[in-house]
Amino acid sequence: MEKIFGVNWESVFIPTTSVLEMIIRGTLTYWFIFVYLRIFRRGTGQLNLSDLLLITMISDAAQNAMAGPYESVTEGLFLVGTLVFWDYLIDWLGYRSVFLKRIVEPDPVLLVKNGQLMRQNMKKEMISEDELISILRENGVEDYHNVKMCYLEGSGNVSVIEKK
């Protein structure tokens, strides 16, 4: 019965790893993954199967580097708090500073201009014609020839301005 109802409160709340070490590990891992994803990935506002798989695998691969051998709830809360802190701080700094906003949020990329596909930009962002046409349909546009401008925004969303 001790194994079923007994709780070792010390192991639940008392950290086995230095809290400062957990914050440093969380910070380093967060920034590495942030920079890596900022440089190499920008979606189209949708999560597809490969994006979901990538995020899941990154989280699994980074877990040991970030957390080390932690076991208590307290350590987990400090680690999650560190990640949330950096995420919030980046958003806040990007809002307060035009310079930092340009660093943390990519510029919009023109995909369609006056009914013409900007194939070089599409290639750079790895968006196929079929994928772009699908995105346009989701925005209520039947034919890209009817599009004045279409941008892949820094957020990954696609904005469409139709010809009048």
C-alpha atoms as a PDB file:
ATOM      1  CA  MET A   1       0.000   0.000   0.000  1.00  0.00           C
ATOM      2  CA  GLU A   2       2.937   2.319   0.625  1.00  0.00           C
ATOM      3  CA  LYS A   3       3.832   2.183  -3.100  1.00  0.00           C
ATOM      4  CA  ILE A   4       0.274   3.140  -4.083  1.00  0.00           C
ATOM      5  CA  PHE A   5      -0.493   5.921  -1.629  1.00  0.00           C
ATOM      6  CA  GLY A   6       2.914   6.969  -0.320  1.00  0.00           C
ATOM      7  CA  VAL A   7       4.305  10.225  -1.697  1.00  0.00           C
ATOM      8  CA  ASN A   8       7.920  11.278  -1.335  1.00  0.00           C
ATOM      9  CA  TRP A   9       7.229  14.996  -1.083  1.00  0.00           C
ATOM     10  CA  GLU A  10      10.922  15.815  -1.050  1.00  0.00           C
ATOM     11  CA  SER A  11      11.464  14.294  -4.504  1.00  0.00           C
ATOM     12  CA  VAL A  12       8.374  16.095  -5.811  1.00  0.00           C
ATOM     13  CA  PHE A  13       9.444  19.613  -4.812  1.00  0.00           C
ATOM     14  CA  ILE A  14      13.147  19.661  -3.914  1.00  0.00           C
ATOM     15  CA  PRO A  15      15.354  20.108  -7.009  1.00  0.00           C
ATOM     16  CA  THR A  16      18.097  17.554  -7.619  1.00  0.00           C
ATOM     17  CA  THR A  17      19.822  19.877 -10.113  1.00  0.00           C
ATOM     18  CA  SER A  18      20.833  23.478  -9.595  1.00  0.00           C
ATOM     19  CA  VAL A  19      17.988  25.794 -10.580  1.00  0.00           C
ATOM     20  CA  LEU A  20      20.519  28.214 -12.104  1.00  0.00           C
ATOM     21  CA  GLU A  21      21.925  25.384 -14.222  1.00  0.00           C
ATOM     22  CA  MET A  22      18.402  24.574 -15.443  1.00  0.00           C
ATOM     23  CA  ILE A  23      17.825  28.222 -16.395  1.00  0.00           C
ATOM     24  CA  ILE A  24      21.153  28.364 -18.259  1.00  0.00           C
ATOM     25  CA  ARG A  25      20.433  25.066 -20.056  1.00  0.00           C
ATOM     26  CA  GLY A  26      16.925  26.225 -20.986  1.00  0.00           C
ATOM     27  CA  THR A  27      18.208  29.584 -22.210  1.00  0.00           C
ATOM     28  CA  LEU A  28      20.973  28.115 -24.366  1.00  0.00           C
ATOM     29  CA  THR A  29      18.677  25.486 -25.873  1.00  0.00           C
ATOM     30  CA  TYR A  30      15.896  28.003 -26.528  1.00  0.00           C
ATOM     31  CA  TRP A  31      18.213  30.418 -28.335  1.00  0.00           C
ATOM     32  CA  PHE A  32      19.880  27.709 -30.409  1.00  0.00           C
ATOM     33  CA  ILE A  33      16.525  26.330 -31.579  1.00  0.00           C
ATOM     34  CA  PHE A  34      15.134  29.855 -32.144  1.00  0.00           C
ATOM     35  CA  VAL A  35      18.084  30.873 -34.346  1.00  0.00           C
ATOM     36  CA  TYR A  36      18.077  27.531 -36.164  1.00  0.00           C
ATOM     37  CA  LEU A  37      14.359  27.736 -36.986  1.00  0.00           C
ATOM     38  CA  ARG A  38      14.563  31.448 -37.825  1.00  0.00           C
ATOM     39  CA  ILE A  39      17.333  30.831 -40.359  1.00  0.00           C
ATOM     40  CA  PHE A  40      16.161  27.577 -41.909  1.00  0.00           C
ATOM     41  CA  ARG A  41      12.370  27.426 -41.545  1.00  0.00           C
ATOM     42  CA  ARG A  42       9.380  29.573 -42.321  1.00  0.00           C
ATOM     43  CA  GLY A  43       6.076  27.904 -42.944  1.00  0.00           C
ATOM     44  CA  THR A  44       3.043  29.099 -44.819  1.00  0.00           C
ATOM     45  CA  GLY A  45       0.869  29.592 -41.769  1.00  0.00           C
ATOM     46  CA  GLN A  46      -0.046  25.931 -41.713  1.00  0.00           C
ATOM     47  CA  LEU A  47       1.493  22.999 -39.914  1.00  0.00           C
ATOM     48  CA  ASN A  48       1.901  20.059 -42.220  1.00  0.00           C
ATOM     49  CA  LEU A  49       3.015  16.582 -41.225  1.00  0.00           C
ATOM     50  CA  SER A  50       6.730  17.253 -41.733  1.00  0.00           C
ATOM     51  CA  ASP A  51       6.544  20.457 -39.614  1.00  0.00           C
ATOM     52  CA  LEU A  52       4.818  18.587 -36.790  1.00  0.00           C
ATOM     53  CA  LEU A  53       7.367  15.787 -37.014  1.00  0.00           C
ATOM     54  CA  LEU A  54      10.250  18.294 -36.957  1.00  0.00           C
ATOM     55  CA  ILE A  55       8.891  20.077 -33.876  1.00  0.00           C
ATOM     56  CA  THR A  56       8.315  16.780 -32.071  1.00  0.00           C
ATOM     57  CA  MET A  57      11.793  15.510 -32.890  1.00  0.00           C
ATOM     58  CA  ILE A  58      13.449  18.800 -31.896  1.00  0.00           C
ATOM     59  CA  SER A  59      11.659  18.747 -28.551  1.00  0.00           C
ATOM     60  CA  ASP A  60      12.722  15.150 -27.929  1.00  0.00           C
ATOM     61  CA  ALA A  61      16.317  15.738 -29.039  1.00  0.00           C
ATOM     62  CA  ALA A  62      16.654  18.936 -27.009  1.00  0.00           C
ATOM     63  CA  GLN A  63      15.107  17.557 -23.825  1.00  0.00           C
ATOM     64  CA  ASN A  64      18.277  16.065 -22.341  1.00  0.00           C
ATOM     65  CA  ALA A  65      20.481  18.987 -23.352  1.00  0.00           C
ATOM     66  CA  MET A  66      17.980  21.391 -21.883  1.00  0.00           C
ATOM     67  CA  ALA A  67      16.873  19.585 -18.753  1.00  0.00           C
ATOM     68  CA  GLY A  68      19.693  17.302 -17.745  1.00  0.00           C
ATOM     69  CA  PRO A  69      18.705  14.671 -15.190  1.00  0.00           C
ATOM     70  CA  TYR A  70      15.880  16.504 -13.477  1.00  0.00           C
ATOM     71  CA  GLU A  71      13.133  14.732 -11.560  1.00  0.00           C
ATOM     72  CA  SER A  72      11.194  17.229  -9.462  1.00  0.00           C
ATOM     73  CA  VAL A  73       8.144  19.266 -10.413  1.00  0.00           C
ATOM     74  CA  THR A  74      10.018  22.390  -9.299  1.00  0.00           C
ATOM     75  CA  GLU A  75      12.767  21.811 -11.856  1.00  0.00           C
ATOM     76  CA  GLY A  76      10.213  21.259 -14.613  1.00  0.00           C
ATOM     77  CA  LEU A  77       8.400  24.457 -13.673  1.00  0.00           C
ATOM     78  CA  PHE A  78      11.626  26.474 -13.712  1.00  0.00           C
ATOM     79  CA  LEU A  79      12.543  25.039 -17.105  1.00  0.00           C
ATOM     80  CA  VAL A  80       9.117  25.780 -18.610  1.00  0.00           C
ATOM     81  CA  GLY A  81       9.213  29.231 -17.001  1.00  0.00           C
ATOM     82  CA  THR A  82      12.583  29.923 -18.622  1.00  0.00           C
ATOM     83  CA  LEU A  83      11.248  29.017 -22.083  1.00  0.00           C
ATOM     84  CA  VAL A  84       8.082  31.079 -21.620  1.00  0.00           C
ATOM     85  CA  PHE A  85      10.173  34.009 -20.346  1.00  0.00           C
ATOM     86  CA  TRP A  86      12.391  34.068 -23.460  1.00  0.00           C
ATOM     87  CA  ASP A  87       9.411  33.687 -25.789  1.00  0.00           C
ATOM     88  CA  TYR A  88       7.592  36.573 -24.107  1.00  0.00           C
ATOM     89  CA  LEU A  89      10.729  38.745 -23.982  1.00  0.00           C
ATOM     90  CA  ILE A  90      11.421  38.282 -27.692  1.00  0.00           C
ATOM     91  CA  ASP A  91       7.837  39.237 -28.556  1.00  0.00           C
ATOM     92  CA  TRP A  92       7.940  42.232 -26.204  1.00  0.00           C
ATOM     93  CA  LEU A  93      11.294  43.473 -27.513  1.00  0.00           C
ATOM     94  CA  GLY A  94      10.140  43.025 -31.110  1.00  0.00           C
ATOM     95  CA  TYR A  95       7.075  45.126 -30.320  1.00  0.00           C
ATOM     96  CA  ARG A  96       9.107  47.866 -28.606  1.00  0.00           C
ATOM     97  CA  SER A  97      12.031  48.065 -31.057  1.00  0.00           C
ATOM     98  CA  VAL A  98      11.876  48.371 -34.836  1.00  0.00           C
ATOM     99  CA  PHE A  99      15.479  47.151 -35.069  1.00  0.00           C
ATOM    100  CA  LEU A 100      14.787  43.985 -33.057  1.00  0.00           C
ATOM    101  CA  LYS A 101      11.525  43.373 -34.908  1.00  0.00           C
ATOM    102  CA  ARG A 102      13.495  43.183 -38.163  1.00  0.00           C
ATOM    103  CA  ILE A 103      15.804  40.608 -36.577  1.00  0.00           C
ATOM    104  CA  VAL A 104      13.169  38.341 -35.008  1.00  0.00           C
ATOM    105  CA  GLU A 105      10.511  38.617 -37.711  1.00  0.00           C
ATOM    106  CA  PRO A 106      11.404  38.097 -41.362  1.00  0.00           C
ATOM    107  CA  ASP A 107      10.288  40.546 -44.031  1.00  0.00           C
ATOM    108  CA  PRO A 108       7.266  39.656 -46.175  1.00  0.00           C
ATOM    109  CA  VAL A 109       8.076  37.828 -49.403  1.00  0.00           C
ATOM    110  CA  LEU A 110       6.167  38.658 -52.588  1.00  0.00           C
ATOM    111  CA  LEU A 111       4.723  35.478 -54.148  1.00  0.00           C
ATOM    112  CA  VAL A 112       2.347  36.895 -56.793  1.00  0.00           C
ATOM    113  CA  LYS A 113       2.476  40.302 -58.458  1.00  0.00           C
ATOM    114  CA  ASN A 114      -0.209  41.390 -60.931  1.00  0.00           C
ATOM    115  CA  GLY A 115      -1.203  37.807 -61.733  1.00  0.00           C
ATOM    116  CA  GLN A 116       2.395  36.630 -62.248  1.00  0.00           C
ATOM    117  CA  LEU A 117       4.017  34.067 -60.001  1.00  0.00           C
ATOM    118  CA  MET A 118       7.271  35.231 -58.448  1.00  0.00           C
ATOM    119  CA  ARG A 119       8.930  31.859 -58.998  1.00  0.00           C
ATOM    120  CA  GLN A 120      12.334  32.896 -57.658  1.00  0.00           C
ATOM    121  CA  ASN A 121      10.759  33.918 -54.329  1.00  0.00           C
ATOM    122  CA  MET A 122       8.617  30.777 -54.285  1.00  0.00           C
ATOM    123  CA  LYS A 123      11.717  28.673 -54.858  1.00  0.00           C
ATOM    124  CA  LYS A 124      13.566  30.468 -52.066  1.00  0.00           C
ATOM    125  CA  GLU A 125      10.677  29.773 -49.665  1.00  0.00           C
ATOM    126  CA  MET A 126      10.162  26.236 -51.059  1.00  0.00           C
ATOM    127  CA  ILE A 127       6.531  26.855 -51.990  1.00  0.00           C
ATOM    128  CA  SER A 128       5.358  24.913 -55.018  1.00  0.00           C
ATOM    129  CA  GLU A 129       2.839  26.273 -57.488  1.00  0.00           C
ATOM    130  CA  ASP A 130       0.298  23.678 -56.331  1.00  0.00           C
ATOM    131  CA  GLU A 131       0.794  24.690 -52.692  1.00  0.00           C
ATOM    132  CA  LEU A 132       0.378  28.382 -53.550  1.00  0.00           C
ATOM    133  CA  ILE A 133      -2.773  27.695 -55.566  1.00  0.00           C
ATOM    134  CA  SER A 134      -4.162  25.738 -52.605  1.00  0.00           C
ATOM    135  CA  ILE A 135      -3.401  28.642 -50.250  1.00  0.00           C
ATOM    136  CA  LEU A 136      -5.076  31.084 -52.641  1.00  0.00           C
ATOM    137  CA  ARG A 137      -8.193  28.877 -52.771  1.00  0.00           C
ATOM    138  CA  GLU A 138      -8.290  28.907 -48.962  1.00  0.00           C
ATOM    139  CA  ASN A 139      -8.323  32.708 -49.236  1.00  0.00           C
ATOM    140  CA  GLY A 140     -11.256  32.634 -51.678  1.00  0.00           C
ATOM    141  CA  VAL A 141      -9.236  33.192 -54.862  1.00  0.00           C
ATOM    142  CA  GLU A 142      -9.913  30.810 -57.747  1.00  0.00           C
ATOM    143  CA  ASP A 143      -7.117  31.870 -60.101  1.00  0.00           C
ATOM    144  CA  TYR A 144      -3.781  33.502 -59.309  1.00  0.00           C
ATOM    145  CA  HIS A 145      -4.169  35.637 -62.445  1.00  0.00           C
ATOM    146  CA  ASN A 146      -6.807  37.575 -60.442  1.00  0.00           C
ATOM    147  CA  VAL A 147      -4.293  38.441 -57.703  1.00  0.00           C
ATOM    148  CA  LYS A 148      -2.750  41.903 -57.526  1.00  0.00           C
ATOM    149  CA  MET A 149      -0.337  41.005 -54.704  1.00  0.00           C
ATOM    150  CA  CYS A 150       0.226  37.944 -52.546  1.00  0.00           C
ATOM    151  CA  TYR A 151       2.755  37.933 -49.712  1.00  0.00           C
ATOM    152  CA  LEU A 152       4.166  35.315 -47.384  1.00  0.00           C
ATOM    153  CA  GLU A 153       4.208  37.349 -44.172  1.00  0.00           C
ATOM    154  CA  GLY A 154       6.872  37.095 -41.485  1.00  0.00           C
ATOM    155  CA  SER A 155       4.388  35.232 -39.293  1.00  0.00           C
ATOM    156  CA  GLY A 156       4.011  32.503 -41.914  1.00  0.00           C
ATOM    157  CA  ASN A 157       0.511  33.642 -42.895  1.00  0.00           C
ATOM    158  CA  VAL A 158      -0.297  34.487 -46.492  1.00  0.00           C
ATOM    159  CA  SER A 159      -2.016  37.768 -47.361  1.00  0.00           C
ATOM    160  CA  VAL A 160      -3.783  38.184 -50.682  1.00  0.00           C
ATOM    161  CA  ILE A 161      -4.930  41.358 -52.435  1.00  0.00           C
ATOM    162  CA  GLU A 162      -7.149  40.682 -55.443  1.00  0.00           C
ATOM    163  CA  LYS A 163      -7.335  42.810 -58.575  1.00  0.00           C
ATOM    164  CA  LYS A 164     -10.442  44.961 -58.786  1.00  0.00           C
END
